[in-house]
Amino acid sequence: ANLLALQNMVKLSKVVQEKEKAKEKEKEIEGKGEAVAELKFNGLNLGTGRGVSVNEIFSLLKEIIKFPHPAHYGPPRAGDLRKNILDCRLIKEVLGWQPKFDFSAGLEKTVRWFKENIH
């Protein structure tokens, strides 16, 4: 696995929430030509616009949960993406959306939720 590959992460409930806002916005700007066409043909990317590597995720999780063991690396796999970072300019422009947390704060909240809710 390529642990240096960059991914763009976002909370799933935020995706659903922003999709609903996008539907409302699409109705609001119906008939205004280019903006509607851009929404319908390109859709909206929801993400931080910053890539996070698997190595970075592991390091953050290791620190958050006090995991004492090192990472184990395997060889890269065919088809692994080296970089996958979303362009979020359109959702910022159309809906005024901005991430509320950086990745590490969101990961800490997620870990805390699991600790409190999964027994």
C-alpha atoms as a PDB file:
ATOM      1  CA  ALA A   1       0.000   0.000   0.000  1.00  0.00           C
ATOM      2  CA  ASN A   2       1.218   3.497  -0.761  1.00  0.00           C
ATOM      3  CA  LEU A   3       1.153   5.141   2.651  1.00  0.00           C
ATOM      4  CA  LEU A   4       2.294   8.444   1.182  1.00  0.00           C
ATOM      5  CA  ALA A   5      -0.696   8.683  -1.176  1.00  0.00           C
ATOM      6  CA  LEU A   6      -2.768  11.759  -0.432  1.00  0.00           C
ATOM      7  CA  GLN A   7      -6.518  11.529   0.103  1.00  0.00           C
ATOM      8  CA  ASN A   8      -9.121  14.188   0.822  1.00  0.00           C
ATOM      9  CA  MET A   9     -11.351  13.363   3.804  1.00  0.00           C
ATOM     10  CA  VAL A  10     -14.669  14.795   4.961  1.00  0.00           C
ATOM     11  CA  LYS A  11     -17.383  13.745   7.412  1.00  0.00           C
ATOM     12  CA  LEU A  12     -20.261  11.877   5.704  1.00  0.00           C
ATOM     13  CA  SER A  13     -23.066  13.748   7.490  1.00  0.00           C
ATOM     14  CA  LYS A  14     -21.571  16.976   6.127  1.00  0.00           C
ATOM     15  CA  VAL A  15     -21.816  15.565   2.579  1.00  0.00           C
ATOM     16  CA  VAL A  16     -25.545  14.867   3.027  1.00  0.00           C
ATOM     17  CA  GLN A  17     -26.164  18.281   4.571  1.00  0.00           C
ATOM     18  CA  GLU A  18     -24.356  20.133   1.768  1.00  0.00           C
ATOM     19  CA  LYS A  19     -26.131  18.073  -0.911  1.00  0.00           C
ATOM     20  CA  GLU A  20     -29.460  19.345   0.433  1.00  0.00           C
ATOM     21  CA  LYS A  21     -28.171  22.927   0.369  1.00  0.00           C
ATOM     22  CA  ALA A  22     -27.005  22.418  -3.220  1.00  0.00           C
ATOM     23  CA  LYS A  23     -30.488  21.245  -4.259  1.00  0.00           C
ATOM     24  CA  GLU A  24     -32.011  24.375  -2.712  1.00  0.00           C
ATOM     25  CA  LYS A  25     -29.411  26.593  -4.384  1.00  0.00           C
ATOM     26  CA  GLU A  26     -30.043  24.924  -7.749  1.00  0.00           C
ATOM     27  CA  LYS A  27     -33.759  25.817  -7.495  1.00  0.00           C
ATOM     28  CA  GLU A  28     -32.877  29.356  -6.444  1.00  0.00           C
ATOM     29  CA  ILE A  29     -30.641  30.002  -9.469  1.00  0.00           C
ATOM     30  CA  GLU A  30     -32.743  28.067 -12.010  1.00  0.00           C
ATOM     31  CA  GLY A  31     -32.701  29.927 -15.305  1.00  0.00           C
ATOM     32  CA  LYS A  32     -29.506  31.826 -14.581  1.00  0.00           C
ATOM     33  CA  GLY A  33     -27.597  29.864 -17.211  1.00  0.00           C
ATOM     34  CA  GLU A  34     -23.935  29.209 -16.481  1.00  0.00           C
ATOM     35  CA  ALA A  35     -24.160  28.693 -12.714  1.00  0.00           C
ATOM     36  CA  VAL A  36     -26.868  26.032 -13.081  1.00  0.00           C
ATOM     37  CA  ALA A  37     -25.008  24.350 -15.932  1.00  0.00           C
ATOM     38  CA  GLU A  38     -21.856  24.222 -13.839  1.00  0.00           C
ATOM     39  CA  LEU A  39     -23.740  22.683 -10.901  1.00  0.00           C
ATOM     40  CA  LYS A  40     -25.531  20.104 -13.050  1.00  0.00           C
ATOM     41  CA  PHE A  41     -22.548  19.016 -15.131  1.00  0.00           C
ATOM     42  CA  ASN A  42     -19.729  19.278 -12.626  1.00  0.00           C
ATOM     43  CA  GLY A  43     -21.435  18.689  -9.309  1.00  0.00           C
ATOM     44  CA  LEU A  44     -19.916  19.927  -6.083  1.00  0.00           C
ATOM     45  CA  ASN A  45     -16.815  18.546  -4.414  1.00  0.00           C
ATOM     46  CA  LEU A  46     -16.889  18.600  -0.649  1.00  0.00           C
ATOM     47  CA  GLY A  47     -13.548  18.318   1.064  1.00  0.00           C
ATOM     48  CA  THR A  48     -10.810  20.264   2.748  1.00  0.00           C
ATOM     49  CA  GLY A  49      -8.810  20.885  -0.408  1.00  0.00           C
ATOM     50  CA  ARG A  50      -5.798  19.473   1.455  1.00  0.00           C
ATOM     51  CA  GLY A  51      -4.487  15.956   1.048  1.00  0.00           C
ATOM     52  CA  VAL A  52      -3.798  13.700   4.021  1.00  0.00           C
ATOM     53  CA  SER A  53      -1.517  10.680   3.617  1.00  0.00           C
ATOM     54  CA  VAL A  54      -2.179   7.300   5.213  1.00  0.00           C
ATOM     55  CA  ASN A  55       1.101   7.849   7.097  1.00  0.00           C
ATOM     56  CA  GLU A  56      -0.223  11.122   8.493  1.00  0.00           C
ATOM     57  CA  ILE A  57      -3.528   9.481   9.485  1.00  0.00           C
ATOM     58  CA  PHE A  58      -1.651   6.646  11.205  1.00  0.00           C
ATOM     59  CA  SER A  59       0.617   9.080  13.068  1.00  0.00           C
ATOM     60  CA  LEU A  60      -2.325  11.179  14.244  1.00  0.00           C
ATOM     61  CA  LEU A  61      -4.343   8.134  15.325  1.00  0.00           C
ATOM     62  CA  LYS A  62      -1.303   6.650  17.044  1.00  0.00           C
ATOM     63  CA  GLU A  63      -0.970   9.844  19.080  1.00  0.00           C
ATOM     64  CA  ILE A  64      -4.718  10.213  19.808  1.00  0.00           C
ATOM     65  CA  ILE A  65      -5.278   6.631  20.987  1.00  0.00           C
ATOM     66  CA  LYS A  66      -1.778   6.173  22.454  1.00  0.00           C
ATOM     67  CA  PHE A  67      -1.026   3.219  20.136  1.00  0.00           C
ATOM     68  CA  PRO A  68       2.476   1.952  21.054  1.00  0.00           C
ATOM     69  CA  HIS A  69       3.323  -0.062  17.924  1.00  0.00           C
ATOM     70  CA  PRO A  70       5.052   0.977  14.680  1.00  0.00           C
ATOM     71  CA  ALA A  71       3.391   0.928  11.269  1.00  0.00           C
ATOM     72  CA  HIS A  72       3.904  -2.147   9.084  1.00  0.00           C
ATOM     73  CA  TYR A  73       4.490  -1.346   5.425  1.00  0.00           C
ATOM     74  CA  GLY A  74       3.665  -3.533   2.454  1.00  0.00           C
ATOM     75  CA  PRO A  75       4.577  -3.110  -1.196  1.00  0.00           C
ATOM     76  CA  PRO A  76       2.587  -0.654  -3.342  1.00  0.00           C
ATOM     77  CA  ARG A  77      -0.443  -2.192  -5.053  1.00  0.00           C
ATOM     78  CA  ALA A  78      -1.433  -1.806  -8.684  1.00  0.00           C
ATOM     79  CA  GLY A  79      -4.106   0.854  -9.014  1.00  0.00           C
ATOM     80  CA  ASP A  80      -3.247   2.724  -5.802  1.00  0.00           C
ATOM     81  CA  LEU A  81      -3.778   6.459  -6.283  1.00  0.00           C
ATOM     82  CA  ARG A  82      -0.787   8.658  -5.565  1.00  0.00           C
ATOM     83  CA  LYS A  83      -2.908  11.757  -5.047  1.00  0.00           C
ATOM     84  CA  ASN A  84      -6.650  12.397  -4.693  1.00  0.00           C
ATOM     85  CA  ILE A  85      -7.438  15.944  -3.596  1.00  0.00           C
ATOM     86  CA  LEU A  86     -10.769  17.544  -4.417  1.00  0.00           C
ATOM     87  CA  ASP A  87     -11.133  20.991  -5.966  1.00  0.00           C
ATOM     88  CA  CYS A  88     -13.655  22.628  -3.625  1.00  0.00           C
ATOM     89  CA  ARG A  89     -13.756  26.103  -5.175  1.00  0.00           C
ATOM     90  CA  LEU A  90     -17.252  25.673  -6.634  1.00  0.00           C
ATOM     91  CA  ILE A  91     -18.931  24.650  -3.351  1.00  0.00           C
ATOM     92  CA  LYS A  92     -17.225  27.577  -1.623  1.00  0.00           C
ATOM     93  CA  GLU A  93     -18.406  29.950  -4.350  1.00  0.00           C
ATOM     94  CA  VAL A  94     -21.971  28.625  -4.688  1.00  0.00           C
ATOM     95  CA  LEU A  95     -22.819  27.682  -1.090  1.00  0.00           C
ATOM     96  CA  GLY A  96     -20.170  29.586   0.841  1.00  0.00           C
ATOM     97  CA  TRP A  97     -19.074  26.297   2.410  1.00  0.00           C
ATOM     98  CA  GLN A  98     -15.896  26.103   4.477  1.00  0.00           C
ATOM     99  CA  PRO A  99     -14.623  23.162   6.549  1.00  0.00           C
ATOM    100  CA  LYS A 100     -15.329  23.691  10.266  1.00  0.00           C
ATOM    101  CA  PHE A 101     -12.375  21.600  11.439  1.00  0.00           C
ATOM    102  CA  ASP A 102      -8.959  20.742  10.136  1.00  0.00           C
ATOM    103  CA  PHE A 103      -8.355  17.034   9.612  1.00  0.00           C
ATOM    104  CA  SER A 104      -6.642  16.348  12.942  1.00  0.00           C
ATOM    105  CA  ALA A 105      -9.429  18.043  14.953  1.00  0.00           C
ATOM    106  CA  GLY A 106     -12.053  16.095  12.985  1.00  0.00           C
ATOM    107  CA  LEU A 107     -10.188  12.841  13.591  1.00  0.00           C
ATOM    108  CA  GLU A 108     -10.008  13.571  17.319  1.00  0.00           C
ATOM    109  CA  LYS A 109     -13.776  14.227  17.385  1.00  0.00           C
ATOM    110  CA  THR A 110     -14.401  10.968  15.507  1.00  0.00           C
ATOM    111  CA  VAL A 111     -12.253   8.939  17.928  1.00  0.00           C
ATOM    112  CA  ARG A 112     -13.996  10.576  20.893  1.00  0.00           C
ATOM    113  CA  TRP A 113     -17.412   9.714  19.387  1.00  0.00           C
ATOM    114  CA  PHE A 114     -16.403   6.053  18.958  1.00  0.00           C
ATOM    115  CA  LYS A 115     -15.106   5.884  22.537  1.00  0.00           C
ATOM    116  CA  GLU A 116     -18.367   7.348  23.867  1.00  0.00           C
ATOM    117  CA  ASN A 117     -20.784   5.399  21.657  1.00  0.00           C
ATOM    118  CA  ILE A 118     -19.241   2.045  20.735  1.00  0.00           C
ATOM    119  CA  HIS A 119     -18.802  -0.355  23.639  1.00  0.00           C
END
